[in-house]
């Protein structure tokens, strides 16, 4: 899933949990899914942050993406 899809699903999970209409088992399933989605979104965000940090300004004022070491 994409970062945007993960965030959208997280928002839906929060809405469902806030409605207080779920039984305990259903709430736990949503909570578990939310943790998985949160980890996925956090990973995608960390990757994007790393790419942004690798941008380096060249002497001519343009920007290049530096090679990553992973």
PDB file of N, CA and C in Angstrom:
ATOM      1  N   UNK A   1       0.833  -1.183   0.000  1.00  0.00           N
ATOM      2  CA  UNK A   1       0.000   0.000   0.000  1.00  0.00           C
ATOM      3  C   UNK A   1       0.883   1.254   0.000  1.00  0.00           C
ATOM      4  N   UNK A   2       0.310   2.315  -0.475  1.00  0.00           N
ATOM      5  CA  UNK A   2       1.048   3.571  -0.484  1.00  0.00           C
ATOM      6  C   UNK A   2       0.904   4.268   0.865  1.00  0.00           C
ATOM      7  N   UNK A   3       1.741   5.259   1.082  1.00  0.00           N
ATOM      8  CA  UNK A   3       1.660   6.059   2.297  1.00  0.00           C
ATOM      9  C   UNK A   3       0.266   6.664   2.438  1.00  0.00           C
ATOM     10  N   UNK A   4      -0.251   7.203   1.349  1.00  0.00           N
ATOM     11  CA  UNK A   4      -1.566   7.844   1.382  1.00  0.00           C
ATOM     12  C   UNK A   4      -2.675   6.851   1.724  1.00  0.00           C
ATOM     13  N   UNK A   5      -2.572   5.638   1.176  1.00  0.00           N
ATOM     14  CA  UNK A   5      -3.563   4.605   1.484  1.00  0.00           C
ATOM     15  C   UNK A   5      -3.490   4.200   2.954  1.00  0.00           C
ATOM     16  N   UNK A   6      -2.268   4.067   3.468  1.00  0.00           N
ATOM     17  CA  UNK A   6      -2.108   3.732   4.887  1.00  0.00           C
ATOM     18  C   UNK A   6      -2.712   4.810   5.781  1.00  0.00           C
ATOM     19  N   UNK A   7      -2.432   6.063   5.477  1.00  0.00           N
ATOM     20  CA  UNK A   7      -2.959   7.159   6.292  1.00  0.00           C
ATOM     21  C   UNK A   7      -4.486   7.204   6.206  1.00  0.00           C
ATOM     22  N   UNK A   8      -5.022   7.023   5.010  1.00  0.00           N
ATOM     23  CA  UNK A   8      -6.473   7.006   4.852  1.00  0.00           C
ATOM     24  C   UNK A   8      -7.119   5.889   5.658  1.00  0.00           C
ATOM     25  N   UNK A   9      -6.517   4.706   5.623  1.00  0.00           N
ATOM     26  CA  UNK A   9      -7.059   3.583   6.389  1.00  0.00           C
ATOM     27  C   UNK A   9      -6.927   3.829   7.885  1.00  0.00           C
ATOM     28  N   UNK A  10      -5.815   4.423   8.306  1.00  0.00           N
ATOM     29  CA  UNK A  10      -5.654   4.774   9.724  1.00  0.00           C
ATOM     30  C   UNK A  10      -6.748   5.735  10.179  1.00  0.00           C
ATOM     31  N   UNK A  11      -7.061   6.714   9.347  1.00  0.00           N
ATOM     32  CA  UNK A  11      -8.128   7.658   9.690  1.00  0.00           C
ATOM     33  C   UNK A  11      -9.461   6.938   9.825  1.00  0.00           C
ATOM     34  N   UNK A  12      -9.735   5.995   8.927  1.00  0.00           N
ATOM     35  CA  UNK A  12     -10.984   5.225   9.003  1.00  0.00           C
ATOM     36  C   UNK A  12     -11.019   4.362  10.269  1.00  0.00           C
ATOM     37  N   UNK A  13      -9.882   3.764  10.608  1.00  0.00           N
ATOM     38  CA  UNK A  13      -9.815   2.949  11.821  1.00  0.00           C
ATOM     39  C   UNK A  13     -10.099   3.798  13.054  1.00  0.00           C
ATOM     40  N   UNK A  14      -9.503   4.966  13.118  1.00  0.00           N
ATOM     41  CA  UNK A  14      -9.742   5.859  14.259  1.00  0.00           C
ATOM     42  C   UNK A  14     -11.221   6.221  14.359  1.00  0.00           C
ATOM     43  N   UNK A  15     -11.834   6.553  13.226  1.00  0.00           N
ATOM     44  CA  UNK A  15     -13.269   6.878  13.238  1.00  0.00           C
ATOM     45  C   UNK A  15     -14.084   5.706  13.767  1.00  0.00           C
ATOM     46  N   UNK A  16     -13.767   4.496  13.284  1.00  0.00           N
ATOM     47  CA  UNK A  16     -14.507   3.307  13.731  1.00  0.00           C
ATOM     48  C   UNK A  16     -14.325   3.067  15.226  1.00  0.00           C
ATOM     49  N   UNK A  17     -13.109   3.226  15.712  1.00  0.00           N
ATOM     50  CA  UNK A  17     -12.857   3.008  17.137  1.00  0.00           C
ATOM     51  C   UNK A  17     -13.527   4.084  18.002  1.00  0.00           C
ATOM     52  N   UNK A  18     -13.590   5.294  17.507  1.00  0.00           N
ATOM     53  CA  UNK A  18     -14.208   6.388  18.264  1.00  0.00           C
ATOM     54  C   UNK A  18     -15.724   6.253  18.360  1.00  0.00           C
ATOM     55  N   UNK A  19     -16.339   5.533  17.428  1.00  0.00           N
ATOM     56  CA  UNK A  19     -17.797   5.372  17.454  1.00  0.00           C
ATOM     57  C   UNK A  19     -18.265   4.528  18.627  1.00  0.00           C
ATOM     58  N   UNK A  20     -17.370   3.748  19.175  1.00  0.00           N
ATOM     59  CA  UNK A  20     -17.679   2.977  20.382  1.00  0.00           C
ATOM     60  C   UNK A  20     -18.796   1.952  20.157  1.00  0.00           C
ATOM     61  N   UNK A  21     -18.929   1.458  18.916  1.00  0.00           N
ATOM     62  CA  UNK A  21     -19.977   0.483  18.600  1.00  0.00           C
ATOM     63  C   UNK A  21     -19.420  -0.919  18.386  1.00  0.00           C
ATOM     64  N   UNK A  22     -18.130  -1.100  18.594  1.00  0.00           N
ATOM     65  CA  UNK A  22     -17.492  -2.382  18.339  1.00  0.00           C
ATOM     66  C   UNK A  22     -17.405  -3.207  19.616  1.00  0.00           C
ATOM     67  N   UNK A  23     -17.461  -4.521  19.436  1.00  0.00           N
ATOM     68  CA  UNK A  23     -17.176  -5.373  20.580  1.00  0.00           C
ATOM     69  C   UNK A  23     -15.664  -5.383  20.794  1.00  0.00           C
ATOM     70  N   UNK A  24     -15.217  -5.949  21.883  1.00  0.00           N
ATOM     71  CA  UNK A  24     -13.807  -5.943  22.227  1.00  0.00           C
ATOM     72  C   UNK A  24     -12.963  -6.606  21.137  1.00  0.00           C
ATOM     73  N   UNK A  25     -13.412  -7.754  20.643  1.00  0.00           N
ATOM     74  CA  UNK A  25     -12.644  -8.469  19.616  1.00  0.00           C
ATOM     75  C   UNK A  25     -12.508  -7.640  18.340  1.00  0.00           C
ATOM     76  N   UNK A  26     -13.587  -6.991  17.920  1.00  0.00           N
ATOM     77  CA  UNK A  26     -13.533  -6.147  16.727  1.00  0.00           C
ATOM     78  C   UNK A  26     -12.611  -4.952  16.923  1.00  0.00           C
ATOM     79  N   UNK A  27     -12.667  -4.360  18.109  1.00  0.00           N
ATOM     80  CA  UNK A  27     -11.797  -3.225  18.409  1.00  0.00           C
ATOM     81  C   UNK A  27     -10.334  -3.655  18.402  1.00  0.00           C
ATOM     82  N   UNK A  28     -10.042  -4.818  18.949  1.00  0.00           N
ATOM     83  CA  UNK A  28      -8.662  -5.314  18.962  1.00  0.00           C
ATOM     84  C   UNK A  28      -8.161  -5.599  17.553  1.00  0.00           C
ATOM     85  N   UNK A  29      -9.017  -6.159  16.696  1.00  0.00           N
ATOM     86  CA  UNK A  29      -8.623  -6.400  15.305  1.00  0.00           C
ATOM     87  C   UNK A  29      -8.275  -5.085  14.597  1.00  0.00           C
ATOM     88  N   UNK A  30      -9.114  -4.084  14.801  1.00  0.00           N
ATOM     89  CA  UNK A  30      -8.841  -2.782  14.186  1.00  0.00           C
ATOM     90  C   UNK A  30      -7.563  -2.167  14.751  1.00  0.00           C
ATOM     91  N   UNK A  31      -7.373  -2.294  16.053  1.00  0.00           N
ATOM     92  CA  UNK A  31      -6.173  -1.763  16.674  1.00  0.00           C
ATOM     93  C   UNK A  31      -4.927  -2.428  16.093  1.00  0.00           C
ATOM     94  N   UNK A  32      -4.960  -3.749  15.949  1.00  0.00           N
ATOM     95  CA  UNK A  32      -3.832  -4.484  15.378  1.00  0.00           C
ATOM     96  C   UNK A  32      -3.561  -4.046  13.942  1.00  0.00           C
ATOM     97  N   UNK A  33      -4.616  -3.894  13.158  1.00  0.00           N
ATOM     98  CA  UNK A  33      -4.439  -3.419  11.787  1.00  0.00           C
ATOM     99  C   UNK A  33      -3.851  -2.015  11.793  1.00  0.00           C
ATOM    100  N   UNK A  34      -4.316  -1.203  12.707  1.00  0.00           N
ATOM    101  CA  UNK A  34      -3.798   0.161  12.813  1.00  0.00           C
ATOM    102  C   UNK A  34      -2.309   0.189  13.097  1.00  0.00           C
ATOM    103  N   UNK A  35      -1.835  -0.713  13.947  1.00  0.00           N
ATOM    104  CA  UNK A  35      -0.410  -0.776  14.252  1.00  0.00           C
ATOM    105  C   UNK A  35       0.384  -1.153  12.997  1.00  0.00           C
ATOM    106  N   UNK A  36      -0.129  -2.124  12.245  1.00  0.00           N
ATOM    107  CA  UNK A  36       0.546  -2.533  11.001  1.00  0.00           C
ATOM    108  C   UNK A  36       0.598  -1.359  10.025  1.00  0.00           C
ATOM    109  N   UNK A  37      -0.529  -0.668   9.864  1.00  0.00           N
ATOM    110  CA  UNK A  37      -0.581   0.481   8.937  1.00  0.00           C
ATOM    111  C   UNK A  37       0.332   1.607   9.408  1.00  0.00           C
ATOM    112  N   UNK A  38       0.371   1.839  10.708  1.00  0.00           N
ATOM    113  CA  UNK A  38       1.220   2.897  11.254  1.00  0.00           C
ATOM    114  C   UNK A  38       2.691   2.594  10.983  1.00  0.00           C
ATOM    115  N   UNK A  39       3.090   1.360  11.180  1.00  0.00           N
ATOM    116  CA  UNK A  39       4.483   0.983  10.910  1.00  0.00           C
ATOM    117  C   UNK A  39       4.814   1.147   9.435  1.00  0.00           C
ATOM    118  N   UNK A  40       3.897   0.758   8.562  1.00  0.00           N
ATOM    119  CA  UNK A  40       4.113   0.897   7.131  1.00  0.00           C
ATOM    120  C   UNK A  40       4.238   2.371   6.738  1.00  0.00           C
ATOM    121  N   UNK A  41       3.338   3.204   7.238  1.00  0.00           N
ATOM    122  CA  UNK A  41       3.372   4.629   6.921  1.00  0.00           C
ATOM    123  C   UNK A  41       4.628   5.278   7.490  1.00  0.00           C
ATOM    124  N   UNK A  42       5.015   4.893   8.693  1.00  0.00           N
ATOM    125  CA  UNK A  42       6.228   5.445   9.309  1.00  0.00           C
ATOM    126  C   UNK A  42       7.464   5.085   8.506  1.00  0.00           C
ATOM    127  N   UNK A  43       7.510   3.862   8.013  1.00  0.00           N
ATOM    128  CA  UNK A  43       8.638   3.416   7.198  1.00  0.00           C
ATOM    129  C   UNK A  43       8.707   4.208   5.895  1.00  0.00           C
ATOM    130  N   UNK A  44       7.567   4.391   5.251  1.00  0.00           N
ATOM    131  CA  UNK A  44       7.528   5.159   3.999  1.00  0.00           C
ATOM    132  C   UNK A  44       7.956   6.603   4.245  1.00  0.00           C
ATOM    133  N   UNK A  45       7.527   7.158   5.354  1.00  0.00           N
ATOM    134  CA  UNK A  45       7.883   8.531   5.697  1.00  0.00           C
ATOM    135  C   UNK A  45       9.379   8.646   5.979  1.00  0.00           C
ATOM    136  N   UNK A  46       9.942   7.680   6.679  1.00  0.00           N
ATOM    137  CA  UNK A  46      11.382   7.685   6.964  1.00  0.00           C
ATOM    138  C   UNK A  46      12.186   7.572   5.670  1.00  0.00           C
ATOM    139  N   UNK A  47      11.715   6.730   4.742  1.00  0.00           N
ATOM    140  CA  UNK A  47      12.390   6.608   3.448  1.00  0.00           C
ATOM    141  C   UNK A  47      12.370   7.932   2.692  1.00  0.00           C
ATOM    142  N   UNK A  48      11.217   8.576   2.682  1.00  0.00           N
ATOM    143  CA  UNK A  48      11.093   9.864   1.992  1.00  0.00           C
ATOM    144  C   UNK A  48      11.990  10.914   2.648  1.00  0.00           C
ATOM    145  N   UNK A  49      12.030  10.919   3.956  1.00  0.00           N
ATOM    146  CA  UNK A  49      12.882  11.867   4.675  1.00  0.00           C
ATOM    147  C   UNK A  49      14.351  11.641   4.323  1.00  0.00           C
ATOM    148  N   UNK A  50      14.749  10.383   4.231  1.00  0.00           N
ATOM    149  CA  UNK A  50      16.125  10.073   3.851  1.00  0.00           C
ATOM    150  C   UNK A  50      16.461  10.569   2.464  1.00  0.00           C
ATOM    151  N   UNK A  51      15.529  10.426   1.548  1.00  0.00           N
ATOM    152  CA  UNK A  51      15.769  10.907   0.175  1.00  0.00           C
ATOM    153  C   UNK A  51      15.899  12.420   0.151  1.00  0.00           C
ATOM    154  N   UNK A  52      15.065  13.109   0.916  1.00  0.00           N
ATOM    155  CA  UNK A  52      15.134  14.573   0.956  1.00  0.00           C
ATOM    156  C   UNK A  52      16.474  15.016   1.538  1.00  0.00           C
ATOM    157  N   UNK A  53      16.927  14.326   2.582  1.00  0.00           N
ATOM    158  CA  UNK A  53      18.190  14.691   3.216  1.00  0.00           C
ATOM    159  C   UNK A  53      19.381  14.454   2.302  1.00  0.00           C
ATOM    160  N   UNK A  54      19.232  13.585   1.320  1.00  0.00           N
ATOM    161  CA  UNK A  54      20.319  13.303   0.401  1.00  0.00           C
ATOM    162  C   UNK A  54      20.473  14.344  -0.697  1.00  0.00           C
ATOM    163  N   UNK A  55      19.499  15.241  -0.795  1.00  0.00           N
ATOM    164  CA  UNK A  55      19.633  16.294  -1.805  1.00  0.00           C
ATOM    165  C   UNK A  55      20.791  17.202  -1.414  1.00  0.00           C
ATOM    166  N   UNK A  56      21.653  17.405  -2.343  1.00  0.00           N
ATOM    167  CA  UNK A  56      22.795  18.283  -2.094  1.00  0.00           C
ATOM    168  C   UNK A  56      22.853  19.348  -3.177  1.00  0.00           C
ATOM    169  N   UNK A  57      23.161  20.550  -2.765  1.00  0.00           N
ATOM    170  CA  UNK A  57      23.247  21.636  -3.727  1.00  0.00           C
ATOM    171  C   UNK A  57      24.629  21.621  -4.375  1.00  0.00           C
ATOM    172  N   UNK A  58      24.628  21.672  -5.687  1.00  0.00           N
ATOM    173  CA  UNK A  58      25.896  21.711  -6.408  1.00  0.00           C
ATOM    174  C   UNK A  58      26.396  23.146  -6.492  1.00  0.00           C
ATOM    175  N   UNK A  59      27.603  23.303  -6.963  1.00  0.00           N
ATOM    176  CA  UNK A  59      28.207  24.632  -7.065  1.00  0.00           C
ATOM    177  C   UNK A  59      27.407  25.553  -7.981  1.00  0.00           C
ATOM    178  N   UNK A  60      26.731  24.994  -8.979  1.00  0.00           N
ATOM    179  CA  UNK A  60      25.978  25.838  -9.909  1.00  0.00           C
ATOM    180  C   UNK A  60      24.607  26.233  -9.360  1.00  0.00           C
ATOM    181  N   UNK A  61      24.279  25.739  -8.172  1.00  0.00           N
ATOM    182  CA  UNK A  61      22.995  26.094  -7.567  1.00  0.00           C
ATOM    183  C   UNK A  61      21.884  25.110  -7.854  1.00  0.00           C
ATOM    184  N   UNK A  62      22.176  24.072  -8.642  1.00  0.00           N
ATOM    185  CA  UNK A  62      21.170  23.045  -8.895  1.00  0.00           C
ATOM    186  C   UNK A  62      21.264  21.977  -7.813  1.00  0.00           C
ATOM    187  N   UNK A  63      20.277  21.122  -7.764  1.00  0.00           N
ATOM    188  CA  UNK A  63      20.255  20.075  -6.750  1.00  0.00           C
ATOM    189  C   UNK A  63      20.366  18.715  -7.417  1.00  0.00           C
ATOM    190  N   UNK A  64      21.144  17.841  -6.813  1.00  0.00           N
ATOM    191  CA  UNK A  64      21.303  16.468  -7.271  1.00  0.00           C
ATOM    192  C   UNK A  64      20.988  15.531  -6.108  1.00  0.00           C
ATOM    193  N   UNK A  65      20.567  14.343  -6.430  1.00  0.00           N
ATOM    194  CA  UNK A  65      20.314  13.340  -5.403  1.00  0.00           C
ATOM    195  C   UNK A  65      21.593  12.546  -5.203  1.00  0.00           C
ATOM    196  N   UNK A  66      22.124  12.587  -3.989  1.00  0.00           N
ATOM    197  CA  UNK A  66      23.367  11.871  -3.682  1.00  0.00           C
ATOM    198  C   UNK A  66      23.092  10.375  -3.613  1.00  0.00           C
ATOM    199  N   UNK A  67      24.080   9.569  -3.891  1.00  0.00           N
ATOM    200  CA  UNK A  67      23.930   8.117  -3.830  1.00  0.00           C
ATOM    201  C   UNK A  67      23.729   7.689  -2.384  1.00  0.00           C
ATOM    202  N   UNK A  68      22.831   6.710  -2.193  1.00  0.00           N
ATOM    203  CA  UNK A  68      22.567   6.181  -0.849  1.00  0.00           C
ATOM    204  C   UNK A  68      23.475   4.997  -0.583  1.00  0.00           C
ATOM    205  N   UNK A  69      23.759   4.769   0.670  1.00  0.00           N
ATOM    206  CA  UNK A  69      24.629   3.672   1.070  1.00  0.00           C
ATOM    207  C   UNK A  69      23.874   2.452   1.551  1.00  0.00           C
ATOM    208  N   UNK A  70      22.574   2.256   1.195  1.00  0.00           N
ATOM    209  CA  UNK A  70      21.849   1.087   1.688  1.00  0.00           C
ATOM    210  C   UNK A  70      21.794   0.025   0.698  1.00  0.00           C
TER     211      UNK A  70
END
